[in-house]
Amino acid sequence: MKMCETGVKVEFEKKAFEQIRQNASQVLNSDDAPDVMEYNKGNATSGLLASQGLLTNLNDYVSEYG
């Protein structure tokens, strides 16, 4: 766990892409879902997760906080 300058605690967990791809919908649809997750959007699988309501658009936050 890492403490950021803002006082926010960040727990970084590294997984292999194949492991994430196989388990993403189960992980994101659980009580233990991460607040932020990097996911390969180039293979059309993120569209499936979005259609299931498991992804949140962060564009407004990026615009506000850079």
PDB file of N, CA and C in Angstrom:
ATOM      1  N   MET A   1       0.849  -1.160   0.000  1.00  0.00           N
ATOM      2  CA  MET A   1       0.000   0.000   0.000  1.00  0.00           C
ATOM      3  C   MET A   1       0.901   1.231   0.000  1.00  0.00           C
ATOM      4  N   LYS A   2       0.489   2.224  -0.760  1.00  0.00           N
ATOM      5  CA  LYS A   2       1.265   3.455  -0.882  1.00  0.00           C
ATOM      6  C   LYS A   2       0.394   4.635  -0.458  1.00  0.00           C
ATOM      7  N   MET A   3       0.963   5.553   0.294  1.00  0.00           N
ATOM      8  CA  MET A   3       0.260   6.761   0.711  1.00  0.00           C
ATOM      9  C   MET A   3       0.653   7.886  -0.234  1.00  0.00           C
ATOM     10  N   CYS A   4      -0.328   8.503  -0.864  1.00  0.00           N
ATOM     11  CA  CYS A   4      -0.076   9.615  -1.780  1.00  0.00           C
ATOM     12  C   CYS A   4       0.021  10.919  -1.007  1.00  0.00           C
ATOM     13  N   GLU A   5       0.504  11.962  -1.681  1.00  0.00           N
ATOM     14  CA  GLU A   5       0.641  13.284  -1.056  1.00  0.00           C
ATOM     15  C   GLU A   5      -0.689  13.812  -0.535  1.00  0.00           C
ATOM     16  N   THR A   6      -1.788  13.400  -1.156  1.00  0.00           N
ATOM     17  CA  THR A   6      -3.108  13.877  -0.752  1.00  0.00           C
ATOM     18  C   THR A   6      -3.648  13.140   0.460  1.00  0.00           C
ATOM     19  N   GLY A   7      -2.934  12.093   0.901  1.00  0.00           N
ATOM     20  CA  GLY A   7      -3.405  11.290   2.017  1.00  0.00           C
ATOM     21  C   GLY A   7      -4.218  10.090   1.579  1.00  0.00           C
ATOM     22  N   VAL A   8      -4.403   9.941   0.289  1.00  0.00           N
ATOM     23  CA  VAL A   8      -5.144   8.806  -0.248  1.00  0.00           C
ATOM     24  C   VAL A   8      -4.251   7.577  -0.200  1.00  0.00           C
ATOM     25  N   LYS A   9      -4.784   6.466   0.243  1.00  0.00           N
ATOM     26  CA  LYS A   9      -4.043   5.213   0.260  1.00  0.00           C
ATOM     27  C   LYS A   9      -4.326   4.456  -1.031  1.00  0.00           C
ATOM     28  N   VAL A  10      -3.271   4.011  -1.688  1.00  0.00           N
ATOM     29  CA  VAL A  10      -3.392   3.292  -2.955  1.00  0.00           C
ATOM     30  C   VAL A  10      -2.807   1.903  -2.802  1.00  0.00           C
ATOM     31  N   GLU A  11      -3.614   0.895  -3.072  1.00  0.00           N
ATOM     32  CA  GLU A  11      -3.139  -0.480  -3.071  1.00  0.00           C
ATOM     33  C   GLU A  11      -2.990  -0.901  -4.521  1.00  0.00           C
ATOM     34  N   PHE A  12      -1.782  -1.185  -4.925  1.00  0.00           N
ATOM     35  CA  PHE A  12      -1.475  -1.543  -6.304  1.00  0.00           C
ATOM     36  C   PHE A  12      -1.354  -3.057  -6.392  1.00  0.00           C
ATOM     37  N   GLU A  13      -2.111  -3.644  -7.305  1.00  0.00           N
ATOM     38  CA  GLU A  13      -2.061  -5.089  -7.494  1.00  0.00           C
ATOM     39  C   GLU A  13      -1.823  -5.373  -8.969  1.00  0.00           C
ATOM     40  N   LYS A  14      -0.776  -6.098  -9.254  1.00  0.00           N
ATOM     41  CA  LYS A  14      -0.399  -6.388 -10.632  1.00  0.00           C
ATOM     42  C   LYS A  14      -0.888  -7.781 -11.017  1.00  0.00           C
ATOM     43  N   LYS A  15      -1.564  -7.875 -12.160  1.00  0.00           N
ATOM     44  CA  LYS A  15      -2.065  -9.149 -12.678  1.00  0.00           C
ATOM     45  C   LYS A  15      -1.670  -9.275 -14.139  1.00  0.00           C
ATOM     46  N   ALA A  16      -1.527 -10.502 -14.605  1.00  0.00           N
ATOM     47  CA  ALA A  16      -1.261 -10.748 -16.017  1.00  0.00           C
ATOM     48  C   ALA A  16      -2.511 -10.407 -16.822  1.00  0.00           C
ATOM     49  N   PHE A  17      -2.310  -9.877 -18.035  1.00  0.00           N
ATOM     50  CA  PHE A  17      -3.451  -9.478 -18.850  1.00  0.00           C
ATOM     51  C   PHE A  17      -4.434 -10.626 -19.047  1.00  0.00           C
ATOM     52  N   GLU A  18      -3.942 -11.805 -19.321  1.00  0.00           N
ATOM     53  CA  GLU A  18      -4.834 -12.954 -19.568  1.00  0.00           C
ATOM     54  C   GLU A  18      -5.685 -13.257 -18.340  1.00  0.00           C
ATOM     55  N   GLN A  19      -5.106 -13.141 -17.176  1.00  0.00           N
ATOM     56  CA  GLN A  19      -5.850 -13.353 -15.933  1.00  0.00           C
ATOM     57  C   GLN A  19      -6.948 -12.301 -15.772  1.00  0.00           C
ATOM     58  N   ILE A  20      -6.612 -11.056 -16.072  1.00  0.00           N
ATOM     59  CA  ILE A  20      -7.614  -9.987 -15.992  1.00  0.00           C
ATOM     60  C   ILE A  20      -8.718 -10.216 -17.022  1.00  0.00           C
ATOM     61  N   ARG A  21      -8.336 -10.551 -18.240  1.00  0.00           N
ATOM     62  CA  ARG A  21      -9.319 -10.759 -19.303  1.00  0.00           C
ATOM     63  C   ARG A  21     -10.311 -11.858 -18.935  1.00  0.00           C
ATOM     64  N   GLN A  22      -9.820 -12.927 -18.369  1.00  0.00           N
ATOM     65  CA  GLN A  22     -10.679 -14.063 -18.037  1.00  0.00           C
ATOM     66  C   GLN A  22     -11.604 -13.780 -16.863  1.00  0.00           C
ATOM     67  N   ASN A  23     -11.189 -12.911 -15.952  1.00  0.00           N
ATOM     68  CA  ASN A  23     -11.942 -12.711 -14.710  1.00  0.00           C
ATOM     69  C   ASN A  23     -12.538 -11.325 -14.544  1.00  0.00           C
ATOM     70  N   ALA A  24     -12.377 -10.457 -15.512  1.00  0.00           N
ATOM     71  CA  ALA A  24     -12.779  -9.054 -15.345  1.00  0.00           C
ATOM     72  C   ALA A  24     -14.240  -8.887 -14.955  1.00  0.00           C
ATOM     73  N   SER A  25     -15.147  -9.544 -15.638  1.00  0.00           N
ATOM     74  CA  SER A  25     -16.564  -9.336 -15.328  1.00  0.00           C
ATOM     75  C   SER A  25     -16.899  -9.801 -13.922  1.00  0.00           C
ATOM     76  N   GLN A  26     -16.294 -10.893 -13.460  1.00  0.00           N
ATOM     77  CA  GLN A  26     -16.551 -11.366 -12.096  1.00  0.00           C
ATOM     78  C   GLN A  26     -15.949 -10.420 -11.063  1.00  0.00           C
ATOM     79  N   VAL A  27     -14.743  -9.924 -11.339  1.00  0.00           N
ATOM     80  CA  VAL A  27     -14.081  -9.008 -10.407  1.00  0.00           C
ATOM     81  C   VAL A  27     -14.856  -7.695 -10.309  1.00  0.00           C
ATOM     82  N   LEU A  28     -15.250  -7.152 -11.467  1.00  0.00           N
ATOM     83  CA  LEU A  28     -15.937  -5.861 -11.477  1.00  0.00           C
ATOM     84  C   LEU A  28     -17.364  -5.944 -10.950  1.00  0.00           C
ATOM     85  N   ASN A  29     -17.955  -7.118 -10.954  1.00  0.00           N
ATOM     86  CA  ASN A  29     -19.332  -7.300 -10.495  1.00  0.00           C
ATOM     87  C   ASN A  29     -19.356  -7.882  -9.082  1.00  0.00           C
ATOM     88  N   SER A  30     -18.371  -7.507  -8.264  1.00  0.00           N
ATOM     89  CA  SER A  30     -18.304  -8.013  -6.898  1.00  0.00           C
ATOM     90  C   SER A  30     -18.201  -6.856  -5.910  1.00  0.00           C
ATOM     91  N   ASP A  31     -18.376  -7.173  -4.650  1.00  0.00           N
ATOM     92  CA  ASP A  31     -18.236  -6.160  -3.595  1.00  0.00           C
ATOM     93  C   ASP A  31     -16.785  -5.721  -3.426  1.00  0.00           C
ATOM     94  N   ASP A  32     -15.847  -6.507  -3.954  1.00  0.00           N
ATOM     95  CA  ASP A  32     -14.424  -6.197  -3.839  1.00  0.00           C
ATOM     96  C   ASP A  32     -13.855  -5.579  -5.108  1.00  0.00           C
ATOM     97  N   ALA A  33     -14.709  -5.029  -5.964  1.00  0.00           N
ATOM     98  CA  ALA A  33     -14.249  -4.435  -7.226  1.00  0.00           C
ATOM     99  C   ALA A  33     -13.300  -3.273  -6.950  1.00  0.00           C
ATOM    100  N   PRO A  34     -12.248  -3.153  -7.748  1.00  0.00           N
ATOM    101  CA  PRO A  34     -11.324  -2.029  -7.554  1.00  0.00           C
ATOM    102  C   PRO A  34     -11.971  -0.708  -7.965  1.00  0.00           C
ATOM    103  N   ASP A  35     -11.509   0.376  -7.374  1.00  0.00           N
ATOM    104  CA  ASP A  35     -12.004   1.701  -7.759  1.00  0.00           C
ATOM    105  C   ASP A  35     -11.497   2.078  -9.147  1.00  0.00           C
ATOM    106  N   VAL A  36     -10.262   1.676  -9.467  1.00  0.00           N
ATOM    107  CA  VAL A  36      -9.647   1.974 -10.757  1.00  0.00           C
ATOM    108  C   VAL A  36      -8.953   0.710 -11.243  1.00  0.00           C
ATOM    109  N   MET A  37      -9.110   0.450 -12.535  1.00  0.00           N
ATOM    110  CA  MET A  37      -8.509  -0.752 -13.102  1.00  0.00           C
ATOM    111  C   MET A  37      -8.093  -0.464 -14.539  1.00  0.00           C
ATOM    112  N   GLU A  38      -6.882  -0.842 -14.901  1.00  0.00           N
ATOM    113  CA  GLU A  38      -6.447  -0.711 -16.285  1.00  0.00           C
ATOM    114  C   GLU A  38      -6.868  -1.971 -17.020  1.00  0.00           C
ATOM    115  N   TYR A  39      -7.454  -1.779 -18.194  1.00  0.00           N
ATOM    116  CA  TYR A  39      -7.972  -2.917 -18.955  1.00  0.00           C
ATOM    117  C   TYR A  39      -7.688  -2.689 -20.428  1.00  0.00           C
ATOM    118  N   ASN A  40      -7.276  -3.707 -21.128  1.00  0.00           N
ATOM    119  CA  ASN A  40      -6.967  -3.593 -22.550  1.00  0.00           C
ATOM    120  C   ASN A  40      -8.249  -3.321 -23.324  1.00  0.00           C
ATOM    121  N   LYS A  41      -8.339  -2.142 -23.897  1.00  0.00           N
ATOM    122  CA  LYS A  41      -9.554  -1.761 -24.623  1.00  0.00           C
ATOM    123  C   LYS A  41      -9.443  -2.010 -26.116  1.00  0.00           C
ATOM    124  N   GLY A  42      -8.342  -2.582 -26.564  1.00  0.00           N
ATOM    125  CA  GLY A  42      -8.112  -2.753 -27.989  1.00  0.00           C
ATOM    126  C   GLY A  42      -8.689  -4.009 -28.590  1.00  0.00           C
ATOM    127  N   ASN A  43      -9.241  -4.898 -27.781  1.00  0.00           N
ATOM    128  CA  ASN A  43      -9.722  -6.159 -28.334  1.00  0.00           C
ATOM    129  C   ASN A  43     -11.237  -6.331 -28.224  1.00  0.00           C
ATOM    130  N   ALA A  44     -11.953  -5.261 -28.032  1.00  0.00           N
ATOM    131  CA  ALA A  44     -13.426  -5.212 -27.997  1.00  0.00           C
ATOM    132  C   ALA A  44     -14.040  -5.840 -26.754  1.00  0.00           C
ATOM    133  N   THR A  45     -13.251  -6.365 -25.843  1.00  0.00           N
ATOM    134  CA  THR A  45     -13.846  -6.950 -24.647  1.00  0.00           C
ATOM    135  C   THR A  45     -14.347  -5.890 -23.673  1.00  0.00           C
ATOM    136  N   SER A  46     -13.786  -4.697 -23.711  1.00  0.00           N
ATOM    137  CA  SER A  46     -14.270  -3.645 -22.807  1.00  0.00           C
ATOM    138  C   SER A  46     -15.677  -3.201 -23.186  1.00  0.00           C
ATOM    139  N   GLY A  47     -16.044  -3.333 -24.457  1.00  0.00           N
ATOM    140  CA  GLY A  47     -17.417  -3.022 -24.872  1.00  0.00           C
ATOM    141  C   GLY A  47     -18.424  -3.926 -24.186  1.00  0.00           C
ATOM    142  N   LEU A  48     -18.075  -5.180 -24.024  1.00  0.00           N
ATOM    143  CA  LEU A  48     -18.952  -6.120 -23.317  1.00  0.00           C
ATOM    144  C   LEU A  48     -19.100  -5.710 -21.860  1.00  0.00           C
ATOM    145  N   LEU A  49     -17.988  -5.350 -21.220  1.00  0.00           N
ATOM    146  CA  LEU A  49     -18.052  -4.917 -19.821  1.00  0.00           C
ATOM    147  C   LEU A  49     -18.890  -3.647 -19.681  1.00  0.00           C
ATOM    148  N   ALA A  50     -18.739  -2.724 -20.629  1.00  0.00           N
ATOM    149  CA  ALA A  50     -19.522  -1.485 -20.599  1.00  0.00           C
ATOM    150  C   ALA A  50     -21.005  -1.784 -20.772  1.00  0.00           C
ATOM    151  N   SER A  51     -21.343  -2.685 -21.693  1.00  0.00           N
ATOM    152  CA  SER A  51     -22.754  -3.014 -21.929  1.00  0.00           C
ATOM    153  C   SER A  51     -23.374  -3.692 -20.717  1.00  0.00           C
ATOM    154  N   GLN A  52     -22.555  -4.300 -19.865  1.00  0.00           N
ATOM    155  CA  GLN A  52     -23.040  -4.931 -18.638  1.00  0.00           C
ATOM    156  C   GLN A  52     -23.111  -3.936 -17.484  1.00  0.00           C
ATOM    157  N   GLY A  53     -22.739  -2.671 -17.750  1.00  0.00           N
ATOM    158  CA  GLY A  53     -22.789  -1.639 -16.718  1.00  0.00           C
ATOM    159  C   GLY A  53     -21.665  -1.743 -15.705  1.00  0.00           C
ATOM    160  N   LEU A  54     -20.547  -2.367 -16.086  1.00  0.00           N
ATOM    161  CA  LEU A  54     -19.451  -2.600 -15.150  1.00  0.00           C
ATOM    162  C   LEU A  54     -18.338  -1.568 -15.248  1.00  0.00           C
ATOM    163  N   LEU A  55     -18.419  -0.647 -16.225  1.00  0.00           N
ATOM    164  CA  LEU A  55     -17.409   0.387 -16.394  1.00  0.00           C
ATOM    165  C   LEU A  55     -18.025   1.761 -16.213  1.00  0.00           C
ATOM    166  N   THR A  56     -17.239   2.695 -15.745  1.00  0.00           N
ATOM    167  CA  THR A  56     -17.682   4.067 -15.553  1.00  0.00           C
ATOM    168  C   THR A  56     -16.812   4.991 -16.390  1.00  0.00           C
ATOM    169  N   ASN A  57     -17.426   5.892 -17.112  1.00  0.00           N
ATOM    170  CA  ASN A  57     -16.705   6.870 -17.913  1.00  0.00           C
ATOM    171  C   ASN A  57     -16.086   7.914 -16.971  1.00  0.00           C
ATOM    172  N   LEU A  58     -14.781   8.112 -17.092  1.00  0.00           N
ATOM    173  CA  LEU A  58     -14.065   9.040 -16.208  1.00  0.00           C
ATOM    174  C   LEU A  58     -13.701  10.352 -16.893  1.00  0.00           C
ATOM    175  N   ASN A  59     -14.243  10.614 -18.081  1.00  0.00           N
ATOM    176  CA  ASN A  59     -13.887  11.819 -18.835  1.00  0.00           C
ATOM    177  C   ASN A  59     -14.103  13.100 -18.036  1.00  0.00           C
ATOM    178  N   ASP A  60     -15.197  13.194 -17.309  1.00  0.00           N
ATOM    179  CA  ASP A  60     -15.463  14.416 -16.522  1.00  0.00           C
ATOM    180  C   ASP A  60     -14.386  14.630 -15.460  1.00  0.00           C
ATOM    181  N   TYR A  61     -13.932  13.553 -14.834  1.00  0.00           N
ATOM    182  CA  TYR A  61     -12.887  13.660 -13.809  1.00  0.00           C
ATOM    183  C   TYR A  61     -11.550  14.040 -14.432  1.00  0.00           C
ATOM    184  N   VAL A  62     -11.270  13.489 -15.599  1.00  0.00           N
ATOM    185  CA  VAL A  62     -10.036  13.839 -16.291  1.00  0.00           C
ATOM    186  C   VAL A  62     -10.046  15.323 -16.658  1.00  0.00           C
ATOM    187  N   SER A  63     -11.188  15.803 -17.143  1.00  0.00           N
ATOM    188  CA  SER A  63     -11.290  17.228 -17.481  1.00  0.00           C
ATOM    189  C   SER A  63     -11.119  18.107 -16.249  1.00  0.00           C
ATOM    190  N   GLU A  64     -11.722  17.691 -15.139  1.00  0.00           N
ATOM    191  CA  GLU A  64     -11.670  18.502 -13.923  1.00  0.00           C
ATOM    192  C   GLU A  64     -10.302  18.458 -13.238  1.00  0.00           C
ATOM    193  N   TYR A  65      -9.690  17.292 -13.172  1.00  0.00           N
ATOM    194  CA  TYR A  65      -8.468  17.136 -12.393  1.00  0.00           C
ATOM    195  C   TYR A  65      -7.216  16.944 -13.236  1.00  0.00           C
ATOM    196  N   GLY A  66      -7.387  16.750 -14.542  1.00  0.00           N
ATOM    197  CA  GLY A  66      -6.224  16.588 -15.416  1.00  0.00           C
ATOM    198  C   GLY A  66      -5.607  15.242 -15.249  1.00  0.00           C
TER     199      GLY A  66
END
